[in-house]
Each structure stands twice: as C-alpha cells, then as structure tokens.
N, C-alpha and C. Protein backbone atom coordinates (compact mmCIF):
# COMPACT_ATOMS: atom_id res chain seq x y z
N MET A 1 -21.85 -9.10 33.35
CA MET A 1 -20.86 -8.18 33.35
C MET A 1 -19.57 -8.48 34.11
N ALA A 2 -19.62 -9.41 35.09
CA ALA A 2 -18.33 -9.67 36.09
C ALA A 2 -17.32 -10.38 35.17
N GLN A 3 -17.88 -10.88 34.21
CA GLN A 3 -16.48 -11.55 33.43
C GLN A 3 -15.94 -10.51 32.57
N HIS A 4 -16.18 -9.35 32.18
CA HIS A 4 -15.25 -8.33 31.60
C HIS A 4 -13.88 -8.08 32.47
N PRO A 5 -13.93 -7.98 33.85
CA PRO A 5 -12.47 -7.75 34.33
C PRO A 5 -11.77 -9.21 34.25
N ALA A 6 -12.32 -10.25 34.27
CA ALA A 6 -11.59 -11.30 34.03
C ALA A 6 -10.80 -11.33 32.50
N TYR A 7 -11.70 -11.16 31.55
CA TYR A 7 -11.31 -10.84 30.20
C TYR A 7 -9.92 -9.80 30.12
N THR A 8 -10.27 -8.70 30.68
CA THR A 8 -9.35 -7.79 30.85
C THR A 8 -7.96 -8.14 31.43
N MET A 9 -8.17 -8.85 32.44
CA MET A 9 -7.00 -9.33 33.00
C MET A 9 -6.25 -10.32 32.36
N ALA A 10 -7.18 -11.15 31.57
CA ALA A 10 -6.64 -12.07 30.70
C ALA A 10 -5.69 -11.45 29.84
N GLY A 11 -6.13 -10.45 29.00
CA GLY A 11 -5.26 -9.63 28.09
C GLY A 11 -4.14 -9.03 28.66
N LEU A 12 -4.19 -8.50 29.91
CA LEU A 12 -3.18 -7.62 30.55
C LEU A 12 -1.98 -8.70 30.93
N CYS A 13 -2.52 -9.74 31.45
CA CYS A 13 -1.42 -10.84 31.75
C CYS A 13 -0.73 -11.31 30.76
N ALA A 14 -1.28 -11.42 29.55
CA ALA A 14 -0.67 -11.95 28.26
C ALA A 14 0.34 -10.90 27.70
N VAL A 15 -0.20 -9.75 27.85
CA VAL A 15 0.77 -8.54 27.08
C VAL A 15 1.86 -8.45 28.35
N GLY A 16 1.69 -8.50 29.79
CA GLY A 16 2.79 -8.35 30.51
C GLY A 16 3.77 -9.50 30.55
N GLY A 17 3.17 -10.68 30.17
CA GLY A 17 4.46 -11.76 30.03
C GLY A 17 5.21 -11.49 28.56
N ALA A 18 4.48 -11.14 27.62
CA ALA A 18 5.08 -10.70 26.30
C ALA A 18 6.18 -9.75 26.61
N ILE A 19 5.92 -8.51 27.33
CA ILE A 19 6.75 -7.63 27.63
C ILE A 19 8.01 -7.97 28.34
N GLY A 20 7.66 -9.04 29.38
CA GLY A 20 8.75 -9.55 30.18
C GLY A 20 9.58 -10.38 29.39
N TYR A 21 9.09 -11.02 28.38
CA TYR A 21 9.78 -11.83 27.51
C TYR A 21 10.65 -10.70 26.42
N ALA A 22 10.06 -9.80 26.01
CA ALA A 22 10.63 -8.95 24.86
C ALA A 22 11.85 -8.17 25.72
N LYS A 23 11.81 -7.56 27.08
CA LYS A 23 12.71 -7.01 27.68
C LYS A 23 13.73 -7.73 28.12
N GLY A 24 13.75 -8.79 28.67
CA GLY A 24 14.74 -9.58 29.33
C GLY A 24 14.82 -11.12 28.80
N ARG A 25 14.09 -11.44 27.75
CA ARG A 25 14.06 -12.75 26.96
C ARG A 25 13.94 -13.69 28.36
N SER A 26 12.87 -13.37 28.98
CA SER A 26 12.49 -13.93 30.21
C SER A 26 11.54 -15.26 29.87
N ILE A 27 11.82 -16.48 29.53
CA ILE A 27 10.89 -17.50 29.27
C ILE A 27 9.67 -17.60 30.47
N PRO A 28 10.44 -17.54 31.60
CA PRO A 28 9.28 -17.69 32.84
C PRO A 28 8.18 -16.45 32.88
N SER A 29 8.52 -15.45 32.37
CA SER A 29 7.65 -14.36 32.36
C SER A 29 6.48 -14.59 31.37
N LEU A 30 6.96 -15.15 30.12
CA LEU A 30 6.14 -15.28 29.00
C LEU A 30 5.28 -16.61 29.40
N VAL A 31 5.58 -17.54 29.81
CA VAL A 31 4.85 -18.81 30.26
C VAL A 31 3.94 -18.39 31.52
N ALA A 32 4.31 -17.46 32.54
CA ALA A 32 3.28 -17.08 33.51
C ALA A 32 2.36 -16.24 33.14
N GLY A 33 2.77 -15.22 32.27
CA GLY A 33 1.78 -14.39 31.86
C GLY A 33 0.74 -15.11 31.20
N ALA A 34 1.16 -16.06 30.24
CA ALA A 34 0.07 -16.85 29.39
C ALA A 34 -0.82 -17.80 30.33
N SER A 35 -0.06 -18.34 31.00
CA SER A 35 -1.00 -19.32 32.10
C SER A 35 -2.00 -18.44 32.84
N ILE A 36 -1.37 -17.44 33.51
CA ILE A 36 -2.26 -16.63 34.44
C ILE A 36 -3.58 -16.14 33.47
N GLY A 37 -3.11 -15.67 32.30
CA GLY A 37 -4.28 -14.96 31.29
C GLY A 37 -5.14 -16.18 31.04
N ALA A 38 -4.61 -17.39 30.75
CA ALA A 38 -5.73 -18.39 30.44
C ALA A 38 -6.48 -18.61 31.68
N LEU A 39 -6.00 -18.69 32.93
CA LEU A 39 -6.88 -18.91 33.87
C LEU A 39 -7.90 -17.89 33.96
N TYR A 40 -7.36 -16.75 33.91
CA TYR A 40 -8.52 -15.53 33.88
C TYR A 40 -9.65 -15.49 32.78
N PHE A 41 -9.08 -16.03 31.42
CA PHE A 41 -10.09 -16.43 30.55
C PHE A 41 -11.03 -17.49 30.71
N TYR A 42 -10.46 -18.40 31.25
CA TYR A 42 -11.35 -19.65 31.61
C TYR A 42 -12.45 -19.18 32.72
N ALA A 43 -12.03 -18.41 33.82
CA ALA A 43 -12.91 -17.92 34.87
C ALA A 43 -13.96 -16.92 34.02
N GLY A 44 -13.40 -16.04 33.28
CA GLY A 44 -14.47 -15.36 32.44
C GLY A 44 -15.59 -16.18 31.89
N GLN A 45 -15.18 -17.09 31.12
CA GLN A 45 -15.77 -18.08 30.49
C GLN A 45 -16.98 -18.64 31.26
N ARG A 46 -16.66 -19.17 32.49
CA ARG A 46 -17.36 -19.63 33.52
C ARG A 46 -18.31 -18.73 34.14
N ILE A 47 -18.03 -17.49 34.39
CA ILE A 47 -18.74 -16.44 34.93
C ILE A 47 -19.88 -15.97 33.79
N LYS A 48 -19.39 -16.05 32.72
CA LYS A 48 -20.49 -15.58 31.53
C LYS A 48 -21.54 -16.49 31.32
N LYS A 49 -21.13 -17.95 31.61
CA LYS A 49 -22.01 -19.05 31.36
C LYS A 49 -22.97 -19.14 32.54
N ASN A 50 -22.43 -18.46 33.81
CA ASN A 50 -23.03 -18.70 35.05
C ASN A 50 -22.88 -20.07 35.66
N GLU A 51 -21.66 -20.56 35.38
CA GLU A 51 -21.25 -21.94 36.02
C GLU A 51 -20.52 -21.69 37.34
N ASP A 52 -20.43 -22.80 37.93
CA ASP A 52 -19.70 -22.67 39.48
C ASP A 52 -18.35 -22.45 39.15
N TYR A 53 -18.09 -21.70 40.43
CA TYR A 53 -16.63 -21.48 40.72
C TYR A 53 -16.11 -20.66 39.78
N GLY A 54 -16.60 -19.43 39.01
CA GLY A 54 -16.01 -18.68 38.07
C GLY A 54 -15.26 -17.76 38.84
N HIS A 55 -16.22 -17.20 39.84
CA HIS A 55 -15.57 -15.96 40.80
C HIS A 55 -14.14 -16.55 41.42
N GLU A 56 -14.29 -17.63 42.15
CA GLU A 56 -13.19 -18.26 42.78
C GLU A 56 -12.02 -18.47 41.98
N LEU A 57 -12.31 -18.99 40.82
CA LEU A 57 -11.15 -19.11 39.89
C LEU A 57 -10.57 -17.82 39.61
N ALA A 58 -11.38 -16.84 39.35
CA ALA A 58 -10.67 -15.50 39.02
C ALA A 58 -10.06 -15.02 40.23
N LEU A 59 -10.28 -15.35 41.70
CA LEU A 59 -9.82 -14.79 42.59
C LEU A 59 -8.58 -15.66 42.76
N ALA A 60 -8.43 -16.99 42.62
CA ALA A 60 -7.25 -17.45 42.71
C ALA A 60 -6.22 -17.13 41.75
N ALA A 61 -6.64 -16.71 40.37
CA ALA A 61 -5.64 -16.18 39.44
C ALA A 61 -5.11 -14.75 40.00
N SER A 62 -6.03 -14.04 40.50
CA SER A 62 -5.51 -12.73 41.19
C SER A 62 -4.58 -12.83 42.19
N SER A 63 -4.86 -13.77 43.14
CA SER A 63 -3.97 -14.15 44.28
C SER A 63 -2.64 -14.66 43.69
N LEU A 64 -2.68 -15.39 42.73
CA LEU A 64 -1.47 -16.06 41.94
C LEU A 64 -0.81 -14.96 41.53
N LEU A 65 -1.24 -14.07 40.68
CA LEU A 65 -0.62 -12.79 40.14
C LEU A 65 0.07 -11.99 41.05
N LEU A 66 -0.93 -11.74 42.33
CA LEU A 66 -0.29 -10.88 43.27
C LEU A 66 0.98 -11.31 44.01
N PHE A 67 0.68 -12.81 44.23
CA PHE A 67 2.05 -13.27 45.08
C PHE A 67 3.28 -13.59 44.26
N ALA A 68 3.00 -13.73 42.77
CA ALA A 68 4.14 -13.93 41.98
C ALA A 68 4.79 -12.60 41.51
N MET A 69 3.85 -11.56 41.76
CA MET A 69 4.49 -10.12 41.10
C MET A 69 4.91 -9.30 42.06
N GLY A 70 4.26 -9.46 43.27
CA GLY A 70 4.55 -8.37 44.50
C GLY A 70 6.00 -8.23 44.74
N PRO A 71 6.51 -9.71 45.20
CA PRO A 71 7.92 -9.54 45.67
C PRO A 71 8.70 -8.92 44.48
N LYS A 72 8.61 -9.43 43.28
CA LYS A 72 9.54 -8.80 42.12
C LYS A 72 9.23 -7.14 42.02
N ALA A 73 8.13 -6.74 42.15
CA ALA A 73 7.75 -5.28 42.18
C ALA A 73 8.60 -4.63 43.25
N LEU A 74 8.50 -5.37 44.36
CA LEU A 74 9.35 -4.53 45.65
C LEU A 74 10.75 -4.37 45.36
N ARG A 75 11.27 -5.87 44.80
CA ARG A 75 12.71 -6.08 44.52
C ARG A 75 13.39 -4.95 43.58
N THR A 76 12.75 -5.02 42.39
CA THR A 76 12.83 -4.35 41.27
C THR A 76 12.65 -3.11 41.06
N ARG A 77 11.44 -2.51 41.52
CA ARG A 77 10.75 -1.11 41.23
C ARG A 77 10.50 -0.79 39.86
N ALA A 78 10.42 -2.13 38.98
CA ALA A 78 10.24 -1.76 37.43
C ALA A 78 8.74 -1.55 37.36
N PRO A 79 8.47 -0.97 36.22
CA PRO A 79 7.02 -0.71 36.02
C PRO A 79 6.14 -1.70 35.66
N VAL A 80 6.63 -2.68 34.80
CA VAL A 80 5.47 -3.86 34.72
C VAL A 80 5.38 -4.65 35.78
N PRO A 81 6.23 -4.91 36.74
CA PRO A 81 5.93 -5.81 37.92
C PRO A 81 4.80 -5.27 38.96
N ILE A 82 5.06 -3.67 39.10
CA ILE A 82 4.46 -2.81 39.82
C ILE A 82 2.94 -2.88 39.29
N THR A 83 2.93 -2.65 37.94
CA THR A 83 1.44 -2.39 37.43
C THR A 83 0.94 -3.68 37.61
N MET A 84 1.32 -4.97 37.48
CA MET A 84 0.76 -6.22 37.33
C MET A 84 0.33 -6.40 38.83
N SER A 85 1.18 -5.89 40.05
CA SER A 85 0.73 -6.20 41.30
C SER A 85 -0.33 -5.37 41.62
N VAL A 86 -0.32 -4.23 41.11
CA VAL A 86 -1.56 -3.36 41.55
C VAL A 86 -2.88 -3.92 40.85
N LEU A 87 -2.74 -4.52 39.69
CA LEU A 87 -3.68 -5.01 38.94
C LEU A 87 -4.31 -6.32 39.90
N GLY A 88 -3.27 -7.23 40.08
CA GLY A 88 -3.61 -8.17 40.99
C GLY A 88 -4.35 -7.89 42.17
N THR A 89 -4.07 -6.94 42.89
CA THR A 89 -4.52 -6.63 44.20
C THR A 89 -5.97 -5.97 43.95
N SER A 90 -6.19 -5.25 42.93
CA SER A 90 -7.53 -4.65 42.55
C SER A 90 -8.36 -5.94 42.13
N ALA A 91 -8.00 -6.67 41.25
CA ALA A 91 -8.80 -7.89 41.00
C ALA A 91 -9.09 -8.80 41.99
N ALA A 92 -8.08 -9.12 42.76
CA ALA A 92 -8.25 -9.91 44.15
C ALA A 92 -9.37 -9.27 44.92
N ALA A 93 -9.49 -7.99 45.12
CA ALA A 93 -10.43 -7.40 46.04
C ALA A 93 -11.74 -7.43 45.28
N TYR A 94 -11.83 -7.26 44.17
CA TYR A 94 -13.13 -7.18 43.31
C TYR A 94 -13.82 -8.68 43.43
N TYR A 95 -13.00 -9.67 43.04
CA TYR A 95 -13.24 -11.02 43.16
C TYR A 95 -13.63 -11.51 44.35
N SER A 96 -13.01 -11.43 45.37
CA SER A 96 -13.11 -11.56 46.73
C SER A 96 -14.65 -11.16 46.93
N LYS A 97 -14.99 -9.85 46.77
CA LYS A 97 -16.29 -9.36 47.04
C LYS A 97 -17.34 -10.31 46.58
N LYS A 98 -17.22 -10.40 44.91
CA LYS A 98 -17.98 -11.25 44.12
C LYS A 98 -18.37 -12.63 44.75
N THR A 99 -17.00 -13.23 45.39
CA THR A 99 -17.17 -14.42 45.73
C THR A 99 -18.28 -14.64 46.79
N TYR A 100 -18.07 -13.67 47.72
CA TYR A 100 -18.64 -13.44 49.04
C TYR A 100 -19.99 -13.21 48.64
N GLU A 101 -20.30 -12.37 47.74
CA GLU A 101 -21.78 -12.24 47.27
C GLU A 101 -22.60 -13.53 46.63
N SER A 102 -21.75 -14.16 45.75
CA SER A 102 -22.22 -15.45 45.42
C SER A 102 -22.49 -16.47 46.38
N HIS A 103 -21.82 -16.42 47.37
CA HIS A 103 -21.94 -17.55 48.56
C HIS A 103 -23.00 -17.17 49.76
N TYR A 104 -23.06 -15.88 49.75
CA TYR A 104 -24.05 -15.50 50.77
C TYR A 104 -25.26 -14.60 50.21
N GLY A 105 -25.29 -14.40 48.92
CA GLY A 105 -26.61 -13.90 48.44
C GLY A 105 -26.59 -12.45 48.98
N VAL A 106 -25.74 -11.76 49.02
CA VAL A 106 -25.75 -10.35 49.34
C VAL A 106 -25.97 -9.43 48.18
C-alpha cells in the first residue's frame, strides 16, 4: 500500500512539468517533472516488490522536489510551484516515517 503515494506523486510531477511547459514553454520544467516522476515511479515499483531502498528512493525524490520547487514557490507565488512544494513536503514526511519504520522495525 505504501507504493500508492509514490505512483500518485509520479503522475502529479509529470502533470506539473507538463503544465510548466505549457504555460511558459519551460523545457527544464518538463524534464524535471518527467525525471522526478520517473524516480517516484521506480520507487513505487521497488516498494511494491518489497525490494530494498524503495522508501529511501521515494524520500530522495520528495526531497529533490521540495528543494527544487520551494524557492520557486516563495519567489513567484504561482499555484503550481506552491502545490508541488506542499506535495513534496508531505511526501517527504510520509517517506521519512516509512524509512524509519523499515530500518528500525517500528
């Protein structure tokens, strides 16, 4: 069940990158959205198959999303960067908890 947030974030990142490209013709937004979405998707696959480092990979993708979109959200106050920053923060908190649980058996 822990793979569902990763799959959801994969889709949302891809859509967010596409919106960034559609609004401002920003190729970096498209590439970043697709790349981070692919990381989330791969993490979801690893979590689903109960392979090592799935939660850690999702946490890394969440942190990358947060640190990439956070400054842009503060600078522009645009809805898509703000939404992606909030989602990145939420996903980072969730996968931090899951990583802790998987390492310490809580």
